[in-house]
Each structure stands twice: as C-alpha cells, then as structure tokens.
C-alpha cells in the first residue's frame, strides 16, 4: 500500500482516488436519479390533471442533474490540498461560474414554463389574446435579460471587472452599430409592426410573392407559413418598405364564376340556370347572399355566358367553400339537363359549280 502514499501534485495517490470517488459517486447518483425520474416521478405527474408539473419536470431535469455533478466536483476539489492557492481558486471559480449558469438556466426554464402553461392560456381566453403577438416578444426579451444578468453576475463573482468590460463595449459601440445597421433597421421595423398592426397572428397576408399565414412576429423577423406548408422568414424591414396585402382583413372573398351553356339552350333554360345559382346562394351559409349576383351575360364564340358572382364569408375556408359551391353547381346543372359548352367550330362548305 506504499504506492497509495506517493505524493503527486501535492496530494497522495489515495487522496486523488478519494476525490475521483466523489466524482464517480456523483455520476452514479445521476444515473439513480434518472431512473427515479423516469420510472416513478414521471408516472406520478402523468396522473395529475395539469400539465404544468410535467413541463416543470422536463425543464428542470437536466439542471438538477448538472447540479449533482457540480456538487461532486466541488466536494472532490476541496478534499485535495494545493500548495499554490491559485490552482484551488481557479477550480473554485470554474465551479462558481458553472453554478450561476445552472441557476440562470433554472430561472429561465421556470419562467418559460410559467408563461407557456399559465400566462399564455389565460391571455388566449381574453378577447384579443389569440391575436396578441407582443407577448412572444416580451417573453424572448425577458428570457434574454435573465441570461444577460446571469452571465454578468457569474463573471463578476469570478473576478472580472464588469465596469471595464462595459466601458470597452462602449468604445467598440460605433463599430458594432455600423456592422449591425440591417439588424437595427429590422428591430425598428418590428417596433413599427407592433404599433401599426398591419396584421395579426394567424392572418393570411401576401407580400413579395409570398402568400401565407403569419405564425410568429419577432423583433427582427416574421415567420409566415405559405399555403404549400413551407415556413418563410421575412425581415421586418420588408414590411415597412413593401406593400402588404392582408387577405384576412377583407370583409369577404369575391369569386367570379363564368359558366357557358350550349347554344341550343333556350331562354327558359337560361333562366332556370340563373334560378339554380340563386338557390345555391340561399342554401349555403358560407356565402353572403345579399351581395351575390347571377345573370345571362353574353353571347360567346361557342357558348351562352352566365356570370355568377358570390362572396365567401371571412370565417369560411377560402378553398373548401369554393370546392363545395362548384360541385353543387355541377350537380344541379346536370340534374336540370343544362349542358356546359366546350370550344367547337361549325364549318360550312359551299360547292363551286
């Protein structure tokens, strides 16, 4: 056992092994904790009526594990002796910095959990809560503020001169501002979006060839999910430099449907077709019936034209409603024996004697 008494870096081999045992013990404790969380605690939280405890468990699981590992590390370094106190001070500062970062992470995750499961559901129940895109911005800003203060406190506790660092940032502020002109422009544009409110969350808009639903409005950019399912991230400055068409804000969606009947259709059958269209308007709740029109429009090259103009209510789906109306027109015209025309030509041939 004389080997264990040998000195290595101011400590015997036995003392190094004991320190290592503390760290290994913390790893074993972590594995045990994971097993308890997965097989006991999670099953208990799943039986509760609220999702808040599940979210808290999910968000705090890793910070708690890291805290146990850090505790094992702290005990290990203090079980050793160092002739040079700078070494111990460095190891302690590392542990202190890590501990503050872990604490900041816990506070940040708790804040997000409370906002997600408590604040957001409450606000969405209010009259304008579902269209409030200022809350996500506030959540991101406060989350960033928590991390900023956490890092500053961590650096201050390990000996960094925060005042000098801030002064240094002030010296380089001009260069940073010049390099971040576009970002600053987008931030101010985001503020203008919040003030002017040209659209809301879940509004359908058209801008620069994109047509989609607004999913998120951030301080720098806005995310729009196009009608084909793709997410487009658009800088906020685009909304101040370009015209935005808010499709959702329109009182109704105007649809113009040109129908052509064959030339052997008489006046009574034409009127029957017009009456069918008026009846379709009266039968469907997705249509604003007081503004719809149907009538015999013109004599086309190969058909007798009937113009059908109707307006879809804003709360109705723009495509599903058109699909239903168009199929209804086809079905009723076929039942009435009204034939739709297709391009044809009649050629008269004269014999030359």
Protein backbone atom coordinates (compact mmCIF):
# COMPACT_ATOMS: atom_id res chain seq x y z
CA UNK A 1 0.00 0.00 0.00
CA UNK A 2 3.06 2.23 -0.08
CA UNK A 3 2.05 3.16 -3.64
CA UNK A 4 -1.01 4.96 -2.31
CA UNK A 5 1.20 7.13 -0.10
CA UNK A 6 3.19 8.51 -3.02
CA UNK A 7 2.80 12.27 -3.47
CA UNK A 8 1.53 13.56 -6.80
CA UNK A 9 0.74 17.27 -7.27
CA UNK A 10 0.69 17.99 -3.53
CA UNK A 11 -1.62 15.05 -2.75
CA UNK A 12 -1.16 11.35 -2.19
CA UNK A 13 -2.48 8.84 -4.72
CA UNK A 14 -5.07 7.78 -2.12
CA UNK A 15 -6.35 11.37 -1.82
CA UNK A 16 -6.61 11.60 -5.60
CA UNK A 17 -8.55 8.32 -5.66
CA UNK A 18 -10.89 9.60 -2.95
CA UNK A 19 -11.52 12.78 -4.98
CA UNK A 20 -12.17 10.63 -8.04
CA UNK A 21 -14.57 8.52 -5.98
CA UNK A 22 -16.60 11.63 -5.14
CA UNK A 23 -16.94 12.43 -8.86
CA UNK A 24 -17.81 8.82 -9.74
CA UNK A 25 -20.33 8.82 -6.90
CA UNK A 26 -21.98 11.89 -8.37
CA UNK A 27 -22.27 10.09 -11.73
CA UNK A 28 -23.85 7.09 -10.01
CA UNK A 29 -26.24 9.41 -8.19
CA UNK A 30 -27.19 10.97 -11.54
CA UNK A 31 -27.97 7.56 -13.04
CA UNK A 32 -30.05 6.68 -9.98
CA UNK A 33 -31.88 10.00 -10.19
CA UNK A 34 -32.62 9.44 -13.91
CA UNK A 35 -34.13 6.06 -13.06
CA UNK A 36 -36.28 7.53 -10.28
CA UNK A 37 -37.48 10.37 -12.54
CA UNK A 38 -38.29 8.07 -15.47
CA UNK A 39 -39.94 5.25 -13.54
CA UNK A 40 -41.51 6.96 -10.56
CA UNK A 41 -41.86 10.74 -10.73
CA UNK A 42 -42.95 10.98 -14.38
CA UNK A 43 -45.61 8.33 -13.84
CA UNK A 44 -46.93 10.31 -10.88
CA UNK A 45 -47.03 13.61 -12.77
CA UNK A 46 -48.83 11.99 -15.72
CA UNK A 47 -51.73 11.13 -13.42
CA UNK A 48 -52.33 14.75 -12.44
CA UNK A 49 -54.88 16.94 -14.19
CA UNK A 50 -52.44 19.75 -15.02
CA UNK A 51 -49.56 19.72 -17.48
CA UNK A 52 -47.56 22.27 -15.51
CA UNK A 53 -45.84 19.66 -13.31
CA UNK A 54 -44.87 17.62 -16.39
CA UNK A 55 -43.38 20.71 -18.00
CA UNK A 56 -41.51 21.68 -14.83
CA UNK A 57 -40.10 18.18 -14.51
CA UNK A 58 -38.98 18.17 -18.12
CA UNK A 59 -37.34 21.60 -17.92
CA UNK A 60 -35.65 21.10 -14.53
CA UNK A 61 -34.44 17.54 -15.09
CA UNK A 62 -31.12 18.42 -16.73
CA UNK A 63 -30.26 21.41 -14.48
CA UNK A 64 -30.79 19.23 -11.39
CA UNK A 65 -28.55 16.54 -12.86
CA UNK A 66 -25.83 19.08 -13.65
CA UNK A 67 -26.11 20.42 -10.10
CA UNK A 68 -25.43 16.95 -8.66
CA UNK A 69 -22.36 16.56 -10.89
CA UNK A 70 -21.17 20.01 -9.87
CA UNK A 71 -21.65 19.13 -6.18
CA UNK A 72 -19.48 16.03 -6.65
CA UNK A 73 -16.82 18.15 -8.34
CA UNK A 74 -16.93 20.74 -5.51
CA UNK A 75 -16.50 18.10 -2.81
CA UNK A 76 -13.70 16.48 -4.79
CA UNK A 77 -11.57 19.62 -5.21
CA UNK A 78 -11.97 20.53 -1.52
CA UNK A 79 -10.84 17.08 -0.44
CA UNK A 80 -7.47 17.87 -2.00
CA UNK A 81 -4.68 20.17 -0.82
CA UNK A 82 -2.86 22.59 -3.12
CA UNK A 83 0.28 24.49 -2.19
CA UNK A 84 -0.48 27.02 -4.88
CA UNK A 85 -3.75 28.66 -3.88
CA UNK A 86 -4.21 30.00 -7.42
CA UNK A 87 -4.95 26.45 -8.60
CA UNK A 88 -7.68 26.00 -6.00
CA UNK A 89 -9.02 29.47 -6.74
CA UNK A 90 -9.22 28.66 -10.44
CA UNK A 91 -11.05 25.39 -9.77
CA UNK A 92 -13.45 27.13 -7.36
CA UNK A 93 -14.12 29.93 -9.85
CA UNK A 94 -14.94 27.36 -12.51
CA UNK A 95 -17.42 25.67 -10.16
CA UNK A 96 -18.92 29.01 -9.10
CA UNK A 97 -19.32 30.19 -12.69
CA UNK A 98 -20.95 26.90 -13.66
CA UNK A 99 -23.27 27.01 -10.64
CA UNK A 100 -24.52 30.50 -11.52
CA UNK A 101 -25.07 29.46 -15.15
CA UNK A 102 -27.06 26.42 -13.95
CA UNK A 103 -29.11 28.64 -11.63
CA UNK A 104 -29.75 31.05 -14.50
CA UNK A 105 -30.87 28.14 -16.66
CA UNK A 106 -33.29 27.01 -13.93
CA UNK A 107 -34.77 30.51 -13.58
CA UNK A 108 -35.07 30.86 -17.37
CA UNK A 109 -36.74 27.46 -17.78
CA UNK A 110 -39.13 28.14 -14.90
CA UNK A 111 -40.05 31.48 -16.45
CA UNK A 112 -40.75 29.84 -19.84
CA UNK A 113 -42.77 27.06 -18.19
CA UNK A 114 -44.96 29.52 -16.27
CA UNK A 115 -45.50 31.68 -19.37
CA UNK A 116 -46.31 28.67 -21.58
CA UNK A 117 -48.69 26.86 -19.25
CA UNK A 118 -50.17 29.67 -17.15
CA UNK A 119 -49.87 33.10 -18.76
CA UNK A 120 -50.47 32.16 -22.42
CA UNK A 121 -53.63 30.08 -21.80
CA UNK A 122 -55.05 32.87 -19.64
CA UNK A 123 -54.34 35.57 -22.23
CA UNK A 124 -55.74 33.46 -25.08
CA UNK A 125 -59.08 33.37 -23.26
CA UNK A 126 -59.32 37.16 -23.45
CA UNK A 127 -61.00 38.96 -26.33
CA UNK A 128 -57.80 39.88 -28.17
CA UNK A 129 -55.47 37.36 -26.58
CA UNK A 130 -55.27 34.99 -29.55
CA UNK A 131 -54.01 37.79 -31.78
CA UNK A 132 -51.51 39.24 -29.31
CA UNK A 133 -48.07 38.89 -30.88
CA UNK A 134 -46.48 41.27 -28.38
CA UNK A 135 -46.34 38.56 -25.70
CA UNK A 136 -43.83 36.30 -27.54
CA UNK A 137 -41.56 39.33 -27.97
CA UNK A 138 -41.82 40.18 -24.26
CA UNK A 139 -41.08 36.55 -23.38
CA UNK A 140 -37.97 36.49 -25.57
CA UNK A 141 -36.79 39.86 -24.28
CA UNK A 142 -37.20 38.88 -20.61
CA UNK A 143 -35.57 35.50 -21.28
CA UNK A 144 -32.56 37.22 -22.87
CA UNK A 145 -32.43 39.67 -19.97
CA UNK A 146 -32.33 36.81 -17.45
CA UNK A 147 -29.39 35.23 -19.26
CA UNK A 148 -27.60 38.57 -19.65
CA UNK A 149 -27.79 39.30 -15.92
CA UNK A 150 -26.84 35.71 -15.11
CA UNK A 151 -23.67 35.89 -17.21
CA UNK A 152 -22.76 39.32 -15.80
CA UNK A 153 -23.20 38.08 -12.22
CA UNK A 154 -21.19 34.94 -12.99
CA UNK A 155 -18.30 36.92 -14.48
CA UNK A 156 -18.39 39.42 -11.62
CA UNK A 157 -18.21 36.65 -8.99
CA UNK A 158 -15.11 35.07 -10.53
CA UNK A 159 -13.21 38.34 -10.55
CA UNK A 160 -13.86 40.00 -13.90
CA UNK A 161 -14.09 43.79 -13.87
CA UNK A 162 -17.59 44.27 -15.27
CA UNK A 163 -17.26 48.08 -15.31
CA UNK A 164 -14.18 47.90 -17.51
CA UNK A 165 -15.89 45.40 -19.80
CA UNK A 166 -18.91 47.68 -20.23
CA UNK A 167 -16.61 50.62 -20.93
CA UNK A 168 -14.81 48.51 -23.52
CA UNK A 169 -18.11 47.73 -25.16
CA UNK A 170 -18.84 51.45 -25.29
CA UNK A 171 -15.58 52.10 -27.16
CA UNK A 172 -16.47 49.47 -29.75
CA UNK A 173 -20.11 50.51 -29.87
CA UNK A 174 -19.69 52.66 -33.00
CA UNK A 175 -18.10 49.84 -34.98
CA UNK A 176 -20.77 47.44 -33.76
CA UNK A 177 -23.54 49.85 -34.77
CA UNK A 178 -22.08 50.22 -38.27
CA UNK A 179 -21.84 46.46 -38.65
CA UNK A 180 -25.39 45.92 -37.40
CA UNK A 181 -27.23 48.51 -39.49
CA UNK A 182 -29.54 45.94 -41.06
CA UNK A 183 -30.35 44.37 -37.70
CA UNK A 184 -31.14 47.76 -36.17
CA UNK A 185 -33.33 48.59 -39.18
CA UNK A 186 -35.22 45.33 -38.72
CA UNK A 187 -35.68 45.97 -34.99
CA UNK A 188 -37.18 49.42 -35.59
CA UNK A 189 -39.36 47.93 -38.33
CA UNK A 190 -40.54 45.29 -35.84
CA UNK A 191 -41.50 48.04 -33.40
CA UNK A 192 -43.48 49.75 -36.17
CA UNK A 193 -45.32 46.49 -36.88
CA UNK A 194 -46.32 46.30 -33.20
CA UNK A 195 -47.53 49.92 -33.28
CA UNK A 196 -49.31 49.96 -36.66
CA UNK A 197 -50.58 46.35 -36.52
CA UNK A 198 -50.98 45.80 -40.30
CA UNK A 199 -51.69 42.15 -39.49
CA UNK A 200 -52.11 39.77 -36.55
CA UNK A 201 -51.06 36.24 -35.73
CA UNK A 202 -52.94 33.71 -37.92
CA UNK A 203 -53.78 36.40 -40.51
CA UNK A 204 -53.29 35.46 -44.14
CA UNK A 205 -51.09 38.00 -45.93
CA UNK A 206 -49.43 38.50 -49.31
CA UNK A 207 -46.02 40.15 -49.62
CA UNK A 208 -43.32 39.97 -52.30
CA UNK A 209 -44.80 36.92 -53.96
CA UNK A 210 -45.41 35.04 -50.71
CA UNK A 211 -48.93 34.08 -49.67
CA UNK A 212 -49.40 32.50 -46.27
CA UNK A 213 -50.40 32.61 -42.60
CA UNK A 214 -48.47 34.70 -40.06
CA UNK A 215 -47.15 32.32 -37.38
CA UNK A 216 -44.76 34.47 -35.37
CA UNK A 217 -43.73 38.12 -35.26
CA UNK A 218 -40.29 38.64 -33.75
CA UNK A 219 -38.22 41.72 -33.08
CA UNK A 220 -36.02 41.12 -36.14
CA UNK A 221 -38.08 38.93 -38.48
CA UNK A 222 -41.54 37.49 -39.09
CA UNK A 223 -42.34 33.88 -39.91
CA UNK A 224 -45.01 33.13 -42.50
CA UNK A 225 -46.20 29.64 -43.39
CA UNK A 226 -47.06 29.62 -47.08
CA UNK A 227 -50.10 27.81 -48.48
CA UNK A 228 -47.87 24.91 -49.58
CA UNK A 229 -46.70 24.38 -45.99
CA UNK A 230 -43.24 25.99 -46.11
CA UNK A 231 -42.08 28.47 -43.46
CA UNK A 232 -40.62 31.71 -44.82
CA UNK A 233 -38.64 34.03 -42.54
CA UNK A 234 -39.07 37.62 -43.75
CA UNK A 235 -37.00 40.53 -42.32
CA UNK A 236 -39.24 43.07 -40.63
CA UNK A 237 -37.83 45.89 -42.76
CA UNK A 238 -39.53 44.29 -45.77
CA UNK A 239 -42.93 45.07 -44.25
CA UNK A 240 -42.10 48.78 -43.97
CA UNK A 241 -40.57 49.02 -47.46
CA UNK A 242 -43.19 46.94 -49.31
CA UNK A 243 -46.96 46.93 -49.54
CA UNK A 244 -48.61 44.17 -47.51
CA UNK A 245 -51.97 42.71 -48.54
CA UNK A 246 -53.95 41.43 -45.55
CA UNK A 247 -56.28 38.83 -47.03
CA UNK A 248 -57.93 38.07 -43.69
CA UNK A 249 -59.00 41.68 -43.13
CA UNK A 250 -61.18 41.74 -46.25
CA UNK A 251 -64.92 41.63 -45.40
CA UNK A 252 -65.41 38.75 -47.83
CA UNK A 253 -63.71 36.90 -50.69
CA UNK A 254 -65.18 37.75 -54.09
CA UNK A 255 -65.49 34.82 -56.52
CA UNK A 256 -66.40 35.29 -60.18
CA UNK A 257 -67.55 32.14 -61.94
CA UNK A 258 -68.14 32.22 -65.71
CA UNK A 259 -70.43 29.44 -66.91
CA UNK A 260 -71.04 28.66 -70.57
CA UNK A 261 -74.10 26.76 -71.83
CA UNK A 262 -74.52 25.34 -75.31
CA UNK A 263 -76.20 27.43 -78.00
CA UNK A 264 -79.20 25.11 -78.18
CA UNK A 265 -80.22 26.29 -74.67
CA UNK A 266 -83.41 28.37 -74.85
CA UNK A 267 -84.47 31.37 -72.78
CA UNK A 268 -86.39 29.33 -70.20
CA UNK A 269 -83.41 27.03 -69.59
CA UNK A 270 -81.11 30.03 -69.21
CA UNK A 271 -83.45 31.41 -66.57
CA UNK A 272 -83.56 28.00 -64.91
CA UNK A 273 -79.76 28.10 -64.62
CA UNK A 274 -79.87 31.58 -63.07
CA UNK A 275 -82.53 30.43 -60.59
CA UNK A 276 -80.39 27.42 -59.64
CA UNK A 277 -77.45 29.70 -58.86
CA UNK A 278 -79.62 31.97 -56.70
CA UNK A 279 -80.94 28.92 -54.85
CA UNK A 280 -77.37 27.69 -54.19
CA UNK A 281 -76.62 31.06 -52.62
CA UNK A 282 -79.65 30.75 -50.35
CA UNK A 283 -78.76 27.21 -49.32
CA UNK A 284 -75.14 27.78 -48.24
CA UNK A 285 -74.21 29.55 -45.01
CA UNK A 286 -70.65 30.30 -46.21
CA UNK A 287 -71.97 32.81 -48.77
CA UNK A 288 -73.04 36.40 -48.17
CA UNK A 289 -76.34 36.14 -50.04
CA UNK A 290 -77.22 39.84 -50.01
CA UNK A 291 -74.32 40.75 -52.31
CA UNK A 292 -74.36 37.85 -54.77
CA UNK A 293 -75.45 38.17 -58.40
CA UNK A 294 -76.22 35.77 -61.24
CA UNK A 295 -77.41 36.56 -64.77
CA UNK A 296 -77.18 35.97 -68.51
CA UNK A 297 -74.09 37.90 -69.54
CA UNK A 298 -73.15 37.50 -73.18
CA UNK A 299 -73.15 35.55 -76.41
CA UNK A 300 -69.75 33.92 -76.61
CA UNK A 301 -67.99 32.37 -79.57
CA UNK A 302 -69.25 28.92 -78.68
CA UNK A 303 -71.42 29.36 -75.56
CA UNK A 304 -74.10 31.43 -73.88
CA UNK A 305 -72.41 33.03 -70.89
CA UNK A 306 -73.84 33.15 -67.39
CA UNK A 307 -71.91 35.20 -64.81
CA UNK A 308 -72.10 34.03 -61.19
CA UNK A 309 -70.62 36.39 -58.56
CA UNK A 310 -70.68 35.36 -54.92
CA UNK A 311 -68.84 36.34 -51.74
CA UNK A 312 -67.38 33.91 -49.23
CA UNK A 313 -67.61 34.93 -45.59
CA UNK A 314 -64.24 35.74 -43.94
CA UNK A 315 -64.62 33.00 -41.33
CA UNK A 316 -65.15 30.32 -44.02
CA UNK A 317 -62.23 28.48 -45.65
CA UNK A 318 -61.46 30.10 -48.98
CA UNK A 319 -60.81 26.86 -50.90
CA UNK A 320 -63.19 24.44 -49.18
CA UNK A 321 -66.09 26.83 -49.78
CA UNK A 322 -65.29 27.21 -53.49
CA UNK A 323 -64.93 23.45 -53.81
CA UNK A 324 -68.36 22.87 -52.27
CA UNK A 325 -70.10 25.57 -54.34
CA UNK A 326 -68.53 24.47 -57.64
CA UNK A 327 -69.52 20.83 -57.11
CA UNK A 328 -73.03 21.93 -56.20
CA UNK A 329 -73.29 23.97 -59.42
CA UNK A 330 -72.13 21.00 -61.48
CA UNK A 331 -74.56 18.59 -59.79
CA UNK A 332 -77.64 20.80 -60.07
CA UNK A 333 -76.97 21.83 -63.67
CA UNK A 334 -76.58 18.17 -64.65
CA UNK A 335 -79.83 17.30 -62.88
CA UNK A 336 -81.59 20.12 -64.78
CA UNK A 337 -80.19 18.81 -68.11
CA UNK A 338 -78.29 22.06 -68.71
CA UNK A 339 -75.28 21.24 -70.88
CA UNK A 340 -72.00 23.09 -70.48
CA UNK A 341 -70.42 24.15 -73.75
CA UNK A 342 -66.90 23.42 -74.89
CA UNK A 343 -64.97 25.02 -77.77
CA UNK A 344 -66.46 23.89 -81.07
CA UNK A 345 -66.45 25.08 -84.67
CA UNK A 346 -69.08 24.60 -87.35
CA UNK A 347 -67.68 24.63 -90.89
CA UNK A 348 -70.00 25.33 -93.82
CA UNK A 349 -68.74 24.01 -97.11
CA UNK A 350 -70.00 25.50 -100.36
CA UNK A 351 -69.69 23.58 -103.58
CA UNK A 352 -68.44 25.54 -106.58
CA UNK A 353 -70.22 24.61 -109.83
